[in-house]
Amino acid sequence: MSTFLETISMCCLAVLMVSGLLCLYRVIIGPNAADRAIAFDTLATVFIGIICMLCIAWASTLYFDAVWILTLVGFLGTASIARYLEKGRVF
């Protein structure tokens, strides 16, 4: 991998880590359940981005299946939380 691509991937990884920490703070200290749900969804997206950036840095496609699964679980979790907050029940 070129040094330029390696530098950019590490910078992107650092930015994703910082945004993940900020989302984790909002999940823990959020003022209400809706803020926590949005922060959880954003945290899942950041985690998926971190896995993708590590795959680029390691020049590997091994973990892309995990990205698909985490994307599906994150979407279903967010949809369930939103439905619960809206109607008071999931099913």
PDB file of N, CA and C in Angstrom:
ATOM      1  N   MET A   1       0.844  -1.167   0.000  1.00  0.00           N
ATOM      2  CA  MET A   1       0.000   0.000   0.000  1.00  0.00           C
ATOM      3  C   MET A   1       0.897   1.239   0.000  1.00  0.00           C
ATOM      4  N   SER A   2       0.463   2.254  -0.719  1.00  0.00           N
ATOM      5  CA  SER A   2       1.259   3.483  -0.792  1.00  0.00           C
ATOM      6  C   SER A   2       1.201   4.236   0.544  1.00  0.00           C
ATOM      7  N   THR A   3       2.195   5.050   0.764  1.00  0.00           N
ATOM      8  CA  THR A   3       2.240   5.797   2.027  1.00  0.00           C
ATOM      9  C   THR A   3       1.104   6.813   2.102  1.00  0.00           C
ATOM     10  N   PHE A   4       0.708   7.373   0.943  1.00  0.00           N
ATOM     11  CA  PHE A   4      -0.405   8.322   0.936  1.00  0.00           C
ATOM     12  C   PHE A   4      -1.700   7.650   1.371  1.00  0.00           C
ATOM     13  N   LEU A   5      -1.979   6.486   0.807  1.00  0.00           N
ATOM     14  CA  LEU A   5      -3.199   5.758   1.169  1.00  0.00           C
ATOM     15  C   LEU A   5      -3.156   5.301   2.627  1.00  0.00           C
ATOM     16  N   GLU A   6      -1.988   4.905   3.087  1.00  0.00           N
ATOM     17  CA  GLU A   6      -1.851   4.490   4.484  1.00  0.00           C
ATOM     18  C   GLU A   6      -2.080   5.670   5.434  1.00  0.00           C
ATOM     19  N   THR A   7      -1.554   6.833   5.091  1.00  0.00           N
ATOM     20  CA  THR A   7      -1.738   8.019   5.925  1.00  0.00           C
ATOM     21  C   THR A   7      -3.199   8.447   5.965  1.00  0.00           C
ATOM     22  N   ILE A   8      -3.849   8.453   4.824  1.00  0.00           N
ATOM     23  CA  ILE A   8      -5.256   8.840   4.755  1.00  0.00           C
ATOM     24  C   ILE A   8      -6.121   7.842   5.510  1.00  0.00           C
ATOM     25  N   SER A   9      -5.827   6.540   5.372  1.00  0.00           N
ATOM     26  CA  SER A   9      -6.631   5.544   6.106  1.00  0.00           C
ATOM     27  C   SER A   9      -6.455   5.662   7.607  1.00  0.00           C
ATOM     28  N   MET A  10      -5.271   5.964   8.073  1.00  0.00           N
ATOM     29  CA  MET A  10      -5.071   6.126   9.504  1.00  0.00           C
ATOM     30  C   MET A  10      -5.754   7.401  10.022  1.00  0.00           C
ATOM     31  N   CYS A  11      -5.745   8.461   9.209  1.00  0.00           N
ATOM     32  CA  CYS A  11      -6.456   9.684   9.604  1.00  0.00           C
ATOM     33  C   CYS A  11      -7.965   9.433   9.675  1.00  0.00           C
ATOM     34  N   CYS A  12      -8.495   8.729   8.687  1.00  0.00           N
ATOM     35  CA  CYS A  12      -9.922   8.400   8.699  1.00  0.00           C
ATOM     36  C   CYS A  12     -10.265   7.496   9.882  1.00  0.00           C
ATOM     37  N   LEU A  13      -9.393   6.573  10.181  1.00  0.00           N
ATOM     38  CA  LEU A  13      -9.606   5.681  11.327  1.00  0.00           C
ATOM     39  C   LEU A  13      -9.612   6.471  12.633  1.00  0.00           C
ATOM     40  N   ALA A  14      -8.723   7.444  12.753  1.00  0.00           N
ATOM     41  CA  ALA A  14      -8.688   8.278  13.961  1.00  0.00           C
ATOM     42  C   ALA A  14      -9.958   9.110  14.091  1.00  0.00           C
ATOM     43  N   VAL A  15     -10.436   9.670  12.986  1.00  0.00           N
ATOM     44  CA  VAL A  15     -11.668  10.457  13.019  1.00  0.00           C
ATOM     45  C   VAL A  15     -12.849   9.567  13.391  1.00  0.00           C
ATOM     46  N   LEU A  16     -12.898   8.355  12.862  1.00  0.00           N
ATOM     47  CA  LEU A  16     -13.971   7.425  13.207  1.00  0.00           C
ATOM     48  C   LEU A  16     -13.921   7.033  14.682  1.00  0.00           C
ATOM     49  N   MET A  17     -12.733   6.863  15.218  1.00  0.00           N
ATOM     50  CA  MET A  17     -12.608   6.528  16.643  1.00  0.00           C
ATOM     51  C   MET A  17     -13.126   7.673  17.521  1.00  0.00           C
ATOM     52  N   VAL A  18     -12.776   8.892  17.168  1.00  0.00           N
ATOM     53  CA  VAL A  18     -13.242  10.042  17.945  1.00  0.00           C
ATOM     54  C   VAL A  18     -14.762  10.164  17.861  1.00  0.00           C
ATOM     55  N   SER A  19     -15.315  10.007  16.663  1.00  0.00           N
ATOM     56  CA  SER A  19     -16.769  10.099  16.542  1.00  0.00           C
ATOM     57  C   SER A  19     -17.456   8.935  17.252  1.00  0.00           C
ATOM     58  N   GLY A  20     -16.821   7.772  17.292  1.00  0.00           N
ATOM     59  CA  GLY A  20     -17.375   6.661  18.055  1.00  0.00           C
ATOM     60  C   GLY A  20     -17.401   6.938  19.550  1.00  0.00           C
ATOM     61  N   LEU A  21     -16.356   7.571  20.050  1.00  0.00           N
ATOM     62  CA  LEU A  21     -16.337   7.937  21.464  1.00  0.00           C
ATOM     63  C   LEU A  21     -17.407   8.976  21.793  1.00  0.00           C
ATOM     64  N   LEU A  22     -17.602   9.929  20.893  1.00  0.00           N
ATOM     65  CA  LEU A  22     -18.652  10.929  21.102  1.00  0.00           C
ATOM     66  C   LEU A  22     -20.044  10.295  21.079  1.00  0.00           C
ATOM     67  N   CYS A  23     -20.251   9.344  20.180  1.00  0.00           N
ATOM     68  CA  CYS A  23     -21.545   8.641  20.144  1.00  0.00           C
ATOM     69  C   CYS A  23     -21.744   7.796  21.397  1.00  0.00           C
ATOM     70  N   LEU A  24     -20.681   7.163  21.853  1.00  0.00           N
ATOM     71  CA  LEU A  24     -20.780   6.375  23.080  1.00  0.00           C
ATOM     72  C   LEU A  24     -21.122   7.260  24.268  1.00  0.00           C
ATOM     73  N   TYR A  25     -20.562   8.454  24.309  1.00  0.00           N
ATOM     74  CA  TYR A  25     -20.911   9.418  25.355  1.00  0.00           C
ATOM     75  C   TYR A  25     -22.397   9.758  25.300  1.00  0.00           C
ATOM     76  N   ARG A  26     -22.931   9.976  24.092  1.00  0.00           N
ATOM     77  CA  ARG A  26     -24.344  10.324  23.957  1.00  0.00           C
ATOM     78  C   ARG A  26     -25.244   9.142  24.298  1.00  0.00           C
ATOM     79  N   VAL A  27     -24.790   7.921  24.034  1.00  0.00           N
ATOM     80  CA  VAL A  27     -25.580   6.739  24.421  1.00  0.00           C
ATOM     81  C   VAL A  27     -25.672   6.653  25.939  1.00  0.00           C
ATOM     82  N   ILE A  28     -24.589   6.934  26.625  1.00  0.00           N
ATOM     83  CA  ILE A  28     -24.571   6.809  28.077  1.00  0.00           C
ATOM     84  C   ILE A  28     -25.265   7.992  28.748  1.00  0.00           C
ATOM     85  N   ILE A  29     -25.018   9.211  28.297  1.00  0.00           N
ATOM     86  CA  ILE A  29     -25.497  10.409  28.978  1.00  0.00           C
ATOM     87  C   ILE A  29     -26.702  11.041  28.272  1.00  0.00           C
ATOM     88  N   GLY A  30     -27.237  10.426  27.228  1.00  0.00           N
ATOM     89  CA  GLY A  30     -28.326  11.043  26.466  1.00  0.00           C
ATOM     90  C   GLY A  30     -29.491  11.481  27.328  1.00  0.00           C
ATOM     91  N   PRO A  31     -30.075  12.644  27.031  1.00  0.00           N
ATOM     92  CA  PRO A  31     -31.165  13.146  27.874  1.00  0.00           C
ATOM     93  C   PRO A  31     -32.459  12.348  27.739  1.00  0.00           C
ATOM     94  N   ASN A  32     -32.713  11.749  26.586  1.00  0.00           N
ATOM     95  CA  ASN A  32     -33.925  10.934  26.461  1.00  0.00           C
ATOM     96  C   ASN A  32     -33.656   9.723  25.566  1.00  0.00           C
ATOM     97  N   ALA A  33     -34.659   8.879  25.431  1.00  0.00           N
ATOM     98  CA  ALA A  33     -34.482   7.617  24.707  1.00  0.00           C
ATOM     99  C   ALA A  33     -34.270   7.837  23.215  1.00  0.00           C
ATOM    100  N   ALA A  34     -34.883   8.851  22.645  1.00  0.00           N
ATOM    101  CA  ALA A  34     -34.713   9.104  21.211  1.00  0.00           C
ATOM    102  C   ALA A  34     -33.262   9.492  20.889  1.00  0.00           C
ATOM    103  N   ASP A  35     -32.657  10.312  21.742  1.00  0.00           N
ATOM    104  CA  ASP A  35     -31.252  10.670  21.534  1.00  0.00           C
ATOM    105  C   ASP A  35     -30.351   9.452  21.646  1.00  0.00           C
ATOM    106  N   ARG A  36     -30.639   8.595  22.586  1.00  0.00           N
ATOM    107  CA  ARG A  36     -29.855   7.369  22.744  1.00  0.00           C
ATOM    108  C   ARG A  36     -30.006   6.456  21.538  1.00  0.00           C
ATOM    109  N   ALA A  37     -31.213   6.365  20.985  1.00  0.00           N
ATOM    110  CA  ALA A  37     -31.450   5.519  19.816  1.00  0.00           C
ATOM    111  C   ALA A  37     -30.684   6.032  18.601  1.00  0.00           C
ATOM    112  N   ILE A  38     -30.696   7.342  18.389  1.00  0.00           N
ATOM    113  CA  ILE A  38     -29.958   7.925  17.267  1.00  0.00           C
ATOM    114  C   ILE A  38     -28.459   7.730  17.456  1.00  0.00           C
ATOM    115  N   ALA A  39     -27.981   7.912  18.675  1.00  0.00           N
ATOM    116  CA  ALA A  39     -26.554   7.721  18.945  1.00  0.00           C
ATOM    117  C   ALA A  39     -26.157   6.260  18.765  1.00  0.00           C
ATOM    118  N   PHE A  40     -27.045   5.332  19.134  1.00  0.00           N
ATOM    119  CA  PHE A  40     -26.750   3.910  18.942  1.00  0.00           C
ATOM    120  C   PHE A  40     -26.662   3.572  17.461  1.00  0.00           C
ATOM    121  N   ASP A  41     -27.566   4.128  16.657  1.00  0.00           N
ATOM    122  CA  ASP A  41     -27.531   3.892  15.218  1.00  0.00           C
ATOM    123  C   ASP A  41     -26.258   4.472  14.606  1.00  0.00           C
ATOM    124  N   THR A  42     -25.891   5.670  15.033  1.00  0.00           N
ATOM    125  CA  THR A  42     -24.667   6.280  14.529  1.00  0.00           C
ATOM    126  C   THR A  42     -23.435   5.503  14.985  1.00  0.00           C
ATOM    127  N   LEU A  43     -23.457   4.985  16.195  1.00  0.00           N
ATOM    128  CA  LEU A  43     -22.346   4.177  16.700  1.00  0.00           C
ATOM    129  C   LEU A  43     -22.184   2.900  15.884  1.00  0.00           C
ATOM    130  N   ALA A  44     -23.294   2.285  15.518  1.00  0.00           N
ATOM    131  CA  ALA A  44     -23.222   1.087  14.672  1.00  0.00           C
ATOM    132  C   ALA A  44     -22.622   1.425  13.309  1.00  0.00           C
ATOM    133  N   THR A  45     -23.006   2.563  12.753  1.00  0.00           N
ATOM    134  CA  THR A  45     -22.460   2.992  11.462  1.00  0.00           C
ATOM    135  C   THR A  45     -20.967   3.294  11.565  1.00  0.00           C
ATOM    136  N   VAL A  46     -20.567   3.924  12.641  1.00  0.00           N
ATOM    137  CA  VAL A  46     -19.143   4.217  12.854  1.00  0.00           C
ATOM    138  C   VAL A  46     -18.348   2.920  13.007  1.00  0.00           C
ATOM    139  N   PHE A  47     -18.908   1.961  13.723  1.00  0.00           N
ATOM    140  CA  PHE A  47     -18.231   0.681  13.907  1.00  0.00           C
ATOM    141  C   PHE A  47     -18.055  -0.039  12.567  1.00  0.00           C
ATOM    142  N   ILE A  48     -19.059   0.042  11.716  1.00  0.00           N
ATOM    143  CA  ILE A  48     -18.966  -0.555  10.386  1.00  0.00           C
ATOM    144  C   ILE A  48     -17.888   0.159   9.566  1.00  0.00           C
ATOM    145  N   GLY A  49     -17.829   1.484   9.677  1.00  0.00           N
ATOM    146  CA  GLY A  49     -16.783   2.238   8.990  1.00  0.00           C
ATOM    147  C   GLY A  49     -15.387   1.879   9.468  1.00  0.00           C
ATOM    148  N   ILE A  50     -15.245   1.650  10.770  1.00  0.00           N
ATOM    149  CA  ILE A  50     -13.944   1.250  11.313  1.00  0.00           C
ATOM    150  C   ILE A  50     -13.517  -0.100  10.752  1.00  0.00           C
ATOM    151  N   ILE A  51     -14.450  -1.024  10.677  1.00  0.00           N
ATOM    152  CA  ILE A  51     -14.122  -2.343  10.120  1.00  0.00           C
ATOM    153  C   ILE A  51     -13.718  -2.209   8.654  1.00  0.00           C
ATOM    154  N   CYS A  52     -14.439  -1.383   7.892  1.00  0.00           N
ATOM    155  CA  CYS A  52     -14.087  -1.179   6.478  1.00  0.00           C
ATOM    156  C   CYS A  52     -12.711  -0.540   6.331  1.00  0.00           C
ATOM    157  N   MET A  53     -12.410   0.439   7.164  1.00  0.00           N
ATOM    158  CA  MET A  53     -11.100   1.085   7.080  1.00  0.00           C
ATOM    159  C   MET A  53      -9.975   0.119   7.453  1.00  0.00           C
ATOM    160  N   LEU A  54     -10.224  -0.740   8.433  1.00  0.00           N
ATOM    161  CA  LEU A  54      -9.212  -1.736   8.776  1.00  0.00           C
ATOM    162  C   LEU A  54      -9.023  -2.745   7.646  1.00  0.00           C
ATOM    163  N   CYS A  55     -10.094  -3.089   6.962  1.00  0.00           N
ATOM    164  CA  CYS A  55      -9.963  -3.986   5.804  1.00  0.00           C
ATOM    165  C   CYS A  55      -9.133  -3.342   4.707  1.00  0.00           C
ATOM    166  N   ILE A  56      -9.308  -2.038   4.508  1.00  0.00           N
ATOM    167  CA  ILE A  56      -8.497  -1.336   3.509  1.00  0.00           C
ATOM    168  C   ILE A  56      -7.042  -1.289   3.950  1.00  0.00           C
ATOM    169  N   ALA A  57      -6.814  -0.984   5.224  1.00  0.00           N
ATOM    170  CA  ALA A  57      -5.434  -0.879   5.722  1.00  0.00           C
ATOM    171  C   ALA A  57      -4.721  -2.222   5.694  1.00  0.00           C
ATOM    172  N   TRP A  58      -5.451  -3.298   5.960  1.00  0.00           N
ATOM    173  CA  TRP A  58      -4.845  -4.630   5.972  1.00  0.00           C
ATOM    174  C   TRP A  58      -4.878  -5.303   4.607  1.00  0.00           C
ATOM    175  N   ALA A  59      -5.489  -4.662   3.609  1.00  0.00           N
ATOM    176  CA  ALA A  59      -5.637  -5.218   2.257  1.00  0.00           C
ATOM    177  C   ALA A  59      -6.282  -6.597   2.311  1.00  0.00           C
ATOM    178  N   SER A  60      -7.390  -6.675   3.033  1.00  0.00           N
ATOM    179  CA  SER A  60      -8.090  -7.943   3.222  1.00  0.00           C
ATOM    180  C   SER A  60      -9.585  -7.748   2.987  1.00  0.00           C
ATOM    181  N   THR A  61     -10.216  -8.774   2.457  1.00  0.00           N
ATOM    182  CA  THR A  61     -11.674  -8.752   2.285  1.00  0.00           C
ATOM    183  C   THR A  61     -12.343  -9.734   3.234  1.00  0.00           C
ATOM    184  N   LEU A  62     -11.621 -10.179   4.215  1.00  0.00           N
ATOM    185  CA  LEU A  62     -12.112 -11.222   5.113  1.00  0.00           C
ATOM    186  C   LEU A  62     -13.288 -10.761   5.962  1.00  0.00           C
ATOM    187  N   TYR A  63     -13.314  -9.516   6.374  1.00  0.00           N
ATOM    188  CA  TYR A  63     -14.322  -9.057   7.325  1.00  0.00           C
ATOM    189  C   TYR A  63     -15.533  -8.380   6.683  1.00  0.00           C
ATOM    190  N   PHE A  64     -15.616  -8.370   5.363  1.00  0.00           N
ATOM    191  CA  PHE A  64     -16.751  -7.716   4.718  1.00  0.00           C
ATOM    192  C   PHE A  64     -18.063  -8.464   4.963  1.00  0.00           C
ATOM    193  N   ASP A  65     -18.006  -9.769   5.210  1.00  0.00           N
ATOM    194  CA  ASP A  65     -19.221 -10.496   5.589  1.00  0.00           C
ATOM    195  C   ASP A  65     -19.737 -10.005   6.941  1.00  0.00           C
ATOM    196  N   ALA A  66     -18.823  -9.718   7.844  1.00  0.00           N
ATOM    197  CA  ALA A  66     -19.222  -9.172   9.147  1.00  0.00           C
ATOM    198  C   ALA A  66     -19.850  -7.796   8.980  1.00  0.00           C
ATOM    199  N   VAL A  67     -19.391  -7.025   8.013  1.00  0.00           N
ATOM    200  CA  VAL A  67     -19.967  -5.704   7.753  1.00  0.00           C
ATOM    201  C   VAL A  67     -21.419  -5.847   7.308  1.00  0.00           C
ATOM    202  N   TRP A  68     -21.700  -6.799   6.436  1.00  0.00           N
ATOM    203  CA  TRP A  68     -23.084  -7.024   5.993  1.00  0.00           C
ATOM    204  C   TRP A  68     -23.979  -7.396   7.157  1.00  0.00           C
ATOM    205  N   ILE A  69     -23.502  -8.283   8.008  1.00  0.00           N
ATOM    206  CA  ILE A  69     -24.302  -8.732   9.150  1.00  0.00           C
ATOM    207  C   ILE A  69     -24.523  -7.579  10.133  1.00  0.00           C
ATOM    208  N   LEU A  70     -23.484  -6.815  10.428  1.00  0.00           N
ATOM    209  CA  LEU A  70     -23.627  -5.679  11.339  1.00  0.00           C
ATOM    210  C   LEU A  70     -24.550  -4.602  10.771  1.00  0.00           C
ATOM    211  N   THR A  71     -24.525  -4.413   9.463  1.00  0.00           N
ATOM    212  CA  THR A  71     -25.432  -3.453   8.845  1.00  0.00           C
ATOM    213  C   THR A  71     -26.878  -3.891   9.024  1.00  0.00           C
ATOM    214  N   LEU A  72     -27.141  -5.157   8.793  1.00  0.00           N
ATOM    215  CA  LEU A  72     -28.499  -5.676   8.951  1.00  0.00           C
ATOM    216  C   LEU A  72     -28.962  -5.597  10.401  1.00  0.00           C
ATOM    217  N   VAL A  73     -28.120  -5.995  11.332  1.00  0.00           N
ATOM    218  CA  VAL A  73     -28.479  -5.949  12.750  1.00  0.00           C
ATOM    219  C   VAL A  73     -28.681  -4.509  13.216  1.00  0.00           C
ATOM    220  N   GLY A  74     -27.830  -3.605  12.766  1.00  0.00           N
ATOM    221  CA  GLY A  74     -27.987  -2.205  13.135  1.00  0.00           C
ATOM    222  C   GLY A  74     -29.279  -1.611  12.610  1.00  0.00           C
ATOM    223  N   PHE A  75     -29.633  -1.929  11.370  1.00  0.00           N
ATOM    224  CA  PHE A  75     -30.877  -1.414  10.800  1.00  0.00           C
ATOM    225  C   PHE A  75     -32.090  -1.974  11.531  1.00  0.00           C
ATOM    226  N   LEU A  76     -32.093  -3.277  11.767  1.00  0.00           N
ATOM    227  CA  LEU A  76     -33.235  -3.881  12.461  1.00  0.00           C
ATOM    228  C   LEU A  76     -33.355  -3.371  13.889  1.00  0.00           C
ATOM    229  N   GLY A  77     -32.235  -3.174  14.562  1.00  0.00           N
ATOM    230  CA  GLY A  77     -32.270  -2.637  15.917  1.00  0.00           C
ATOM    231  C   GLY A  77     -32.808  -1.218  15.952  1.00  0.00           C
ATOM    232  N   THR A  78     -32.381  -0.404  15.017  1.00  0.00           N
ATOM    233  CA  THR A  78     -32.860   0.975  14.962  1.00  0.00           C
ATOM    234  C   THR A  78     -34.348   1.021  14.628  1.00  0.00           C
ATOM    235  N   ALA A  79     -34.777   0.194  13.695  1.00  0.00           N
ATOM    236  CA  ALA A  79     -36.202   0.161  13.346  1.00  0.00           C
ATOM    237  C   ALA A  79     -37.042  -0.313  14.525  1.00  0.00           C
ATOM    238  N   SER A  80     -36.553  -1.282  15.276  1.00  0.00           N
ATOM    239  CA  SER A  80     -37.284  -1.769  16.448  1.00  0.00           C
ATOM    240  C   SER A  80     -37.365  -0.708  17.540  1.00  0.00           C
ATOM    241  N   ILE A  81     -36.268  -0.026  17.784  1.00  0.00           N
ATOM    242  CA  ILE A  81     -36.264   1.028  18.807  1.00  0.00           C
ATOM    243  C   ILE A  81     -37.193   2.164  18.404  1.00  0.00           C
ATOM    244  N   ALA A  82     -37.170   2.542  17.132  1.00  0.00           N
ATOM    245  CA  ALA A  82     -38.042   3.627  16.668  1.00  0.00           C
ATOM    246  C   ALA A  82     -39.511   3.235  16.790  1.00  0.00           C
ATOM    247  N   ARG A  83     -39.841   2.005  16.460  1.00  0.00           N
ATOM    248  CA  ARG A  83     -41.227   1.557  16.579  1.00  0.00           C
ATOM    249  C   ARG A  83     -41.661   1.507  18.037  1.00  0.00           C
ATOM    250  N   TYR A  84     -40.761   1.056  18.902  1.00  0.00           N
ATOM    251  CA  TYR A  84     -41.083   1.014  20.325  1.00  0.00           C
ATOM    252  C   TYR A  84     -41.309   2.426  20.879  1.00  0.00           C
ATOM    253  N   LEU A  85     -40.464   3.368  20.488  1.00  0.00           N
ATOM    254  CA  LEU A  85     -40.617   4.735  20.974  1.00  0.00           C
ATOM    255  C   LEU A  85     -41.886   5.392  20.435  1.00  0.00           C
ATOM    256  N   GLU A  86     -42.292   4.990  19.241  1.00  0.00           N
ATOM    257  CA  GLU A  86     -43.466   5.595  18.641  1.00  0.00           C
ATOM    258  C   GLU A  86     -44.763   5.009  19.214  1.00  0.00           C
ATOM    259  N   LYS A  87     -44.852   3.662  19.299  1.00  0.00           N
ATOM    260  CA  LYS A  87     -46.101   3.015  19.672  1.00  0.00           C
ATOM    261  C   LYS A  87     -46.096   2.367  21.048  1.00  0.00           C
ATOM    262  N   GLY A  88     -44.938   2.235  21.662  1.00  0.00           N
ATOM    263  CA  GLY A  88     -44.873   1.619  22.971  1.00  0.00           C
ATOM    264  C   GLY A  88     -44.774   0.109  22.930  1.00  0.00           C
ATOM    265  N   ARG A  89     -44.707  -0.470  21.743  1.00  0.00           N
ATOM    266  CA  ARG A  89     -44.546  -1.922  21.601  1.00  0.00           C
ATOM    267  C   ARG A  89     -43.786  -2.177  20.306  1.00  0.00           C
ATOM    268  N   VAL A  90     -43.156  -3.329  20.229  1.00  0.00           N
ATOM    269  CA  VAL A  90     -42.361  -3.661  19.047  1.00  0.00           C
ATOM    270  C   VAL A  90     -43.201  -4.438  18.042  1.00  0.00           C
ATOM    271  N   PHE A  91     -43.968  -5.382  18.524  1.00  0.00           N
ATOM    272  CA  PHE A  91     -44.781  -6.230  17.608  1.00  0.00           C
ATOM    273  C   PHE A  91     -46.226  -5.879  17.702  1.00  0.00           C
TER     274      PHE A  91
END
